[in-house]
């Protein structure tokens, strides 16, 4: 797809790198937004990256819209040939799958679901051709997930499973969105995963919850002094836990002793494309080493 540029009102330019999410589209978008940031263009007030696109907010009294448009297009050629390697982090996320809170919630909204007689996990396992929920959970937790965007609501990461395209978990969203989703729900819609940073409406399938807060506007949680934990380019690894560890983690967070497992790593798109399994093995070795 040819990159599409369009104006959004008087103060925004929207750049669509691709119509569908791919790591290639993400890296091109990342390269272009990094170039905009480093160029420190007078009049640019906000840079908002997304999964395969980005939006620039600007002050038209400082820079003419077409001048900025031309500057952005000038960054595209360099992005095509930019090195597709980033220094990032892998973060372990403990997850209580099939927990009582999302189960209670999903039962309240079965009339909005494709399969009112099955739980979200049962439905997701079936449409992805897994024999049972246990094998589906194992597959969901086995591979790393790439954070391609943070937003929609503050702190919420959209995640992309680091496996070959044909192996990716895909589940449609609810037929109609729920009016309630528990805070810290592990959700999935289409090919994207997410973690609901706050309680609220939602349409993604619900697989479990993490005891680990990812957003704290009050700044009281010891590891969330920057308010939110994730940034685009982070890599997540879900780890299934039982209720006893969930409760112990909640208690540790409350008394300030919980420390998330976060390890710096290098991620190369070319290396991943050539050998997804080998790349993932090295990421998990770094996390568990």
Protein backbone atom coordinates (compact mmCIF):
# COMPACT_ATOMS: atom_id res chain seq x y z
CA UNK A 1 0.00 0.00 0.00
CA UNK A 2 1.19 3.51 -0.78
CA UNK A 3 1.37 5.72 2.31
CA UNK A 4 -1.65 8.01 2.52
CA UNK A 5 -1.44 11.57 3.83
CA UNK A 6 -4.53 13.58 4.73
CA UNK A 7 -5.45 16.70 6.70
CA UNK A 8 -7.66 16.37 9.76
CA UNK A 9 -9.24 19.75 10.21
CA UNK A 10 -6.96 22.76 10.54
CA UNK A 11 -4.48 21.35 13.06
CA UNK A 12 -3.80 17.70 12.23
CA UNK A 13 -2.14 15.57 9.57
CA UNK A 14 -2.98 11.87 9.49
CA UNK A 15 -0.49 9.46 7.91
CA UNK A 16 -1.68 5.92 7.14
CA UNK A 17 1.25 3.62 6.47
CA UNK A 18 -0.87 0.53 5.82
CA UNK A 19 -4.49 -0.57 6.06
CA UNK A 20 -3.64 -3.56 8.21
CA UNK A 21 -1.30 -3.99 11.12
CA UNK A 22 2.11 -5.54 10.49
CA UNK A 23 5.45 -5.15 12.19
CA UNK A 24 6.81 -3.71 8.95
CA UNK A 25 4.16 -0.96 9.03
CA UNK A 26 4.86 -0.29 12.69
CA UNK A 27 8.59 0.10 12.14
CA UNK A 28 8.05 2.49 9.23
CA UNK A 29 5.64 4.55 11.32
CA UNK A 30 8.10 4.49 14.25
CA UNK A 31 10.96 5.66 12.02
CA UNK A 32 8.92 8.55 10.63
CA UNK A 33 7.64 9.74 14.01
CA UNK A 34 11.15 9.51 15.45
CA UNK A 35 12.41 11.64 12.56
CA UNK A 36 9.69 14.23 13.22
CA UNK A 37 10.61 14.35 16.90
CA UNK A 38 14.34 14.67 16.21
CA UNK A 39 13.76 17.39 13.60
CA UNK A 40 12.12 19.54 16.30
CA UNK A 41 9.90 21.26 13.74
CA UNK A 42 8.57 24.61 14.92
CA UNK A 43 4.79 24.44 15.21
CA UNK A 44 4.51 20.69 15.83
CA UNK A 45 2.76 20.34 19.17
CA UNK A 46 2.00 16.62 19.43
CA UNK A 47 3.07 13.35 17.80
CA UNK A 48 0.64 10.45 18.23
CA UNK A 49 1.85 7.06 16.90
CA UNK A 50 -0.60 4.21 16.34
CA UNK A 51 -0.42 0.62 15.09
CA UNK A 52 0.22 1.30 11.39
CA UNK A 53 -0.32 5.05 11.24
CA UNK A 54 0.32 8.27 13.11
CA UNK A 55 -1.13 11.72 13.57
CA UNK A 56 0.67 15.03 13.93
CA UNK A 57 -0.91 18.02 15.65
CA UNK A 58 0.46 21.42 14.69
CA UNK A 59 -0.15 25.14 15.06
CA UNK A 60 -1.08 26.53 11.60
CA UNK A 61 -0.09 30.01 12.76
CA UNK A 62 3.49 28.78 13.14
CA UNK A 63 3.85 26.38 10.20
CA UNK A 64 1.73 26.27 7.05
CA UNK A 65 -0.13 22.95 6.65
CA UNK A 66 1.29 22.17 3.22
CA UNK A 67 4.82 22.99 4.36
CA UNK A 68 4.48 20.46 7.18
CA UNK A 69 2.91 17.93 4.82
CA UNK A 70 5.93 18.22 2.51
CA UNK A 71 8.31 17.82 5.45
CA UNK A 72 6.56 14.61 6.51
CA UNK A 73 6.69 13.16 3.01
CA UNK A 74 10.40 13.89 2.97
CA UNK A 75 10.89 11.56 5.93
CA UNK A 76 9.26 8.59 4.19
CA UNK A 77 12.14 7.64 1.89
CA UNK A 78 14.56 7.55 4.81
CA UNK A 79 12.08 5.41 6.78
CA UNK A 80 12.03 2.83 3.99
CA UNK A 81 15.75 2.19 4.38
CA UNK A 82 16.05 2.79 8.13
CA UNK A 83 17.53 0.07 10.32
CA UNK A 84 14.71 -2.05 11.73
CA UNK A 85 16.27 -2.66 15.12
CA UNK A 86 15.23 -1.09 18.41
CA UNK A 87 16.52 -1.12 21.96
CA UNK A 88 13.50 -1.96 24.06
CA UNK A 89 12.32 -3.99 27.08
CA UNK A 90 10.58 -7.28 27.74
CA UNK A 91 8.10 -7.12 30.62
CA UNK A 92 6.56 -10.11 32.38
CA UNK A 93 2.81 -9.86 33.06
CA UNK A 94 1.34 -12.34 35.59
CA UNK A 95 -2.16 -13.40 34.53
CA UNK A 96 -4.94 -15.21 36.35
CA UNK A 97 -6.73 -16.77 33.39
CA UNK A 98 -10.42 -17.70 33.64
CA UNK A 99 -10.72 -15.55 36.74
CA UNK A 100 -14.00 -15.03 38.67
CA UNK A 101 -14.34 -11.30 37.83
CA UNK A 102 -14.24 -11.47 34.04
CA UNK A 103 -16.32 -14.66 34.17
CA UNK A 104 -19.03 -12.87 36.16
CA UNK A 105 -18.88 -9.93 33.75
CA UNK A 106 -19.05 -11.99 30.58
CA UNK A 107 -22.05 -13.92 31.91
CA UNK A 108 -23.89 -10.61 32.36
CA UNK A 109 -23.38 -9.77 28.69
CA UNK A 110 -23.95 -13.11 26.92
CA UNK A 111 -26.75 -11.67 24.77
CA UNK A 112 -24.12 -9.46 23.12
CA UNK A 113 -21.82 -12.37 22.29
CA UNK A 114 -21.49 -14.57 19.21
CA UNK A 115 -21.89 -17.70 21.36
CA UNK A 116 -24.14 -17.09 24.39
CA UNK A 117 -23.66 -20.68 25.56
CA UNK A 118 -19.85 -20.53 25.83
CA UNK A 119 -17.41 -18.43 27.81
CA UNK A 120 -15.06 -16.09 25.97
CA UNK A 121 -12.19 -18.54 26.48
CA UNK A 122 -14.22 -21.48 25.22
CA UNK A 123 -15.29 -19.52 22.15
CA UNK A 124 -11.75 -18.28 21.44
CA UNK A 125 -10.34 -21.81 21.77
CA UNK A 126 -12.91 -23.19 19.34
CA UNK A 127 -12.57 -20.55 16.62
CA UNK A 128 -8.77 -20.88 16.77
CA UNK A 129 -8.95 -24.69 16.51
CA UNK A 130 -7.60 -25.51 19.95
CA UNK A 131 -9.00 -28.69 21.53
CA UNK A 132 -9.73 -27.08 24.89
CA UNK A 133 -9.32 -23.94 26.99
CA UNK A 134 -6.13 -25.18 28.65
CA UNK A 135 -4.31 -25.56 25.33
CA UNK A 136 -5.57 -22.16 24.19
CA UNK A 137 -4.26 -20.49 27.37
CA UNK A 138 -0.93 -22.25 26.90
CA UNK A 139 -0.68 -20.87 23.35
CA UNK A 140 -1.70 -17.36 24.45
CA UNK A 141 0.98 -17.32 27.14
CA UNK A 142 3.72 -19.07 25.16
CA UNK A 143 4.87 -16.32 22.81
CA UNK A 144 5.87 -12.70 23.43
CA UNK A 145 3.56 -9.83 22.42
CA UNK A 146 4.72 -6.56 20.85
CA UNK A 147 3.24 -3.26 22.09
CA UNK A 148 2.39 -1.40 18.88
CA UNK A 149 0.37 1.42 20.44
CA UNK A 150 -0.55 2.88 23.83
CA UNK A 151 -3.80 4.80 23.98
CA UNK A 152 -7.56 4.81 23.45
CA UNK A 153 -7.66 5.23 27.20
CA UNK A 154 -4.59 6.24 29.20
CA UNK A 155 -2.03 3.48 29.63
CA UNK A 156 -3.84 0.82 27.59
CA UNK A 157 -1.42 -1.19 25.39
CA UNK A 158 -2.45 -2.72 22.08
CA UNK A 159 -0.36 -5.86 21.56
CA UNK A 160 0.56 -7.91 18.53
CA UNK A 161 1.48 -11.58 18.93
CA UNK A 162 5.05 -12.35 17.87
CA UNK A 163 4.39 -15.48 15.83
CA UNK A 164 4.02 -16.20 12.13
CA UNK A 165 0.88 -14.57 10.71
CA UNK A 166 -0.88 -17.92 10.16
CA UNK A 167 -0.35 -18.84 13.83
CA UNK A 168 -1.73 -15.63 15.31
CA UNK A 169 -4.73 -15.84 17.61
CA UNK A 170 -7.72 -14.09 16.04
CA UNK A 171 -11.09 -13.61 17.72
CA UNK A 172 -13.86 -11.19 16.69
CA UNK A 173 -15.00 -8.58 19.17
CA UNK A 174 -18.39 -8.85 20.88
CA UNK A 175 -21.37 -8.26 18.60
CA UNK A 176 -22.20 -5.25 20.76
CA UNK A 177 -19.80 -3.67 23.26
CA UNK A 178 -20.23 -4.27 26.96
CA UNK A 179 -20.89 -1.38 29.30
CA UNK A 180 -18.49 -2.90 31.84
CA UNK A 181 -15.05 -4.51 31.79
CA UNK A 182 -13.01 -5.19 34.93
CA UNK A 183 -9.84 -3.17 35.39
CA UNK A 184 -6.70 -5.01 34.23
CA UNK A 185 -8.60 -7.45 32.03
CA UNK A 186 -6.54 -9.27 29.40
CA UNK A 187 -8.62 -8.75 26.25
CA UNK A 188 -8.48 -9.71 22.59
CA UNK A 189 -10.22 -8.45 19.46
CA UNK A 190 -9.29 -9.32 15.88
CA UNK A 191 -5.54 -9.95 15.90
CA UNK A 192 -4.89 -7.51 18.76
CA UNK A 193 -4.53 -8.12 22.44
CA UNK A 194 -4.84 -5.44 25.11
CA UNK A 195 -4.83 -4.86 28.84
CA UNK A 196 -7.68 -2.66 30.08
CA UNK A 197 -5.92 -0.07 32.23
CA UNK A 198 -9.16 1.09 33.87
CA UNK A 199 -12.65 -0.28 34.39
CA UNK A 200 -15.09 0.68 31.66
CA UNK A 201 -16.87 -0.24 28.47
CA UNK A 202 -15.26 -2.67 26.05
CA UNK A 203 -15.84 -5.12 23.25
CA UNK A 204 -12.79 -7.39 23.35
CA UNK A 205 -13.05 -11.02 24.44
CA UNK A 206 -11.97 -11.42 28.09
CA UNK A 207 -9.39 -14.08 28.94
CA UNK A 208 -8.27 -13.19 32.47
CA UNK A 209 -6.89 -10.43 34.69
CA UNK A 210 -3.46 -9.36 35.86
CA UNK A 211 -2.90 -8.25 39.46
CA UNK A 212 -0.24 -5.81 38.19
CA UNK A 213 -1.51 -2.22 37.72
CA UNK A 214 -0.28 -0.58 34.51
CA UNK A 215 -1.61 2.95 35.05
CA UNK A 216 -1.63 5.08 38.19
CA UNK A 217 -2.63 8.74 37.75
CA UNK A 218 -2.17 9.30 41.48
CA UNK A 219 1.48 8.22 41.29
CA UNK A 220 1.25 6.16 44.48
CA UNK A 221 2.34 2.77 43.14
CA UNK A 222 6.10 2.37 43.57
CA UNK A 223 6.94 1.24 40.01
CA UNK A 224 4.50 3.63 38.30
CA UNK A 225 6.04 7.00 39.13
CA UNK A 226 5.75 7.85 35.42
CA UNK A 227 1.97 7.15 35.66
CA UNK A 228 1.95 4.36 33.07
CA UNK A 229 4.29 1.46 32.45
CA UNK A 230 4.12 0.78 28.71
CA UNK A 231 5.42 2.53 25.62
CA UNK A 232 5.31 1.52 21.94
CA UNK A 233 7.99 -1.04 21.15
CA UNK A 234 7.82 -2.80 24.51
CA UNK A 235 7.50 -6.58 24.46
CA UNK A 236 5.21 -8.41 26.90
CA UNK A 237 5.28 -11.99 28.12
CA UNK A 238 2.19 -13.31 29.90
CA UNK A 239 2.77 -15.81 32.71
CA UNK A 240 -0.18 -17.87 33.98
CA UNK A 241 -0.64 -17.80 37.76
CA UNK A 242 -3.03 -19.31 40.28
CA UNK A 243 -5.32 -17.44 42.68
CA UNK A 244 -2.87 -17.74 45.58
CA UNK A 245 -0.15 -15.90 43.67
CA UNK A 246 -2.68 -13.36 42.42
CA UNK A 247 -3.68 -12.48 45.99
CA UNK A 248 -0.05 -12.38 47.13
CA UNK A 249 0.86 -10.04 44.28
CA UNK A 250 -2.03 -7.71 45.10
CA UNK A 251 -0.82 -7.60 48.71
CA UNK A 252 2.76 -6.91 47.60
CA UNK A 253 1.59 -4.04 45.40
CA UNK A 254 -0.38 -2.55 48.27
CA UNK A 255 2.64 -2.61 50.61
CA UNK A 256 5.03 -1.34 47.92
CA UNK A 257 7.24 -4.43 47.68
CA UNK A 258 6.21 -5.68 44.24
CA UNK A 259 8.76 -5.11 41.48
CA UNK A 260 7.80 -5.98 37.89
CA UNK A 261 10.18 -8.17 35.94
CA UNK A 262 11.57 -5.86 33.23
CA UNK A 263 14.66 -6.71 31.19
CA UNK A 264 16.31 -4.60 28.44
CA UNK A 265 16.50 -6.37 25.05
CA UNK A 266 17.31 -5.64 21.43
CA UNK A 267 14.62 -6.47 18.88
CA UNK A 268 15.44 -6.82 15.19
CA UNK A 269 12.57 -7.05 12.70
CA UNK A 270 14.83 -8.68 10.12
CA UNK A 271 15.96 -11.31 12.61
CA UNK A 272 12.38 -12.01 13.66
CA UNK A 273 11.18 -12.30 10.07
CA UNK A 274 13.97 -14.76 9.27
CA UNK A 275 13.50 -16.87 12.41
CA UNK A 276 10.47 -16.08 14.61
CA UNK A 277 10.94 -19.07 16.92
CA UNK A 278 14.65 -18.41 17.39
CA UNK A 279 14.09 -14.72 18.06
CA UNK A 280 11.40 -15.48 20.63
CA UNK A 281 13.63 -18.03 22.32
CA UNK A 282 16.33 -15.39 22.77
CA UNK A 283 13.80 -12.90 24.15
CA UNK A 284 12.52 -15.43 26.69
CA UNK A 285 16.08 -16.42 27.59
CA UNK A 286 16.83 -12.77 28.35
CA UNK A 287 13.70 -12.51 30.50
CA UNK A 288 14.33 -15.71 32.42
CA UNK A 289 18.12 -15.51 32.53
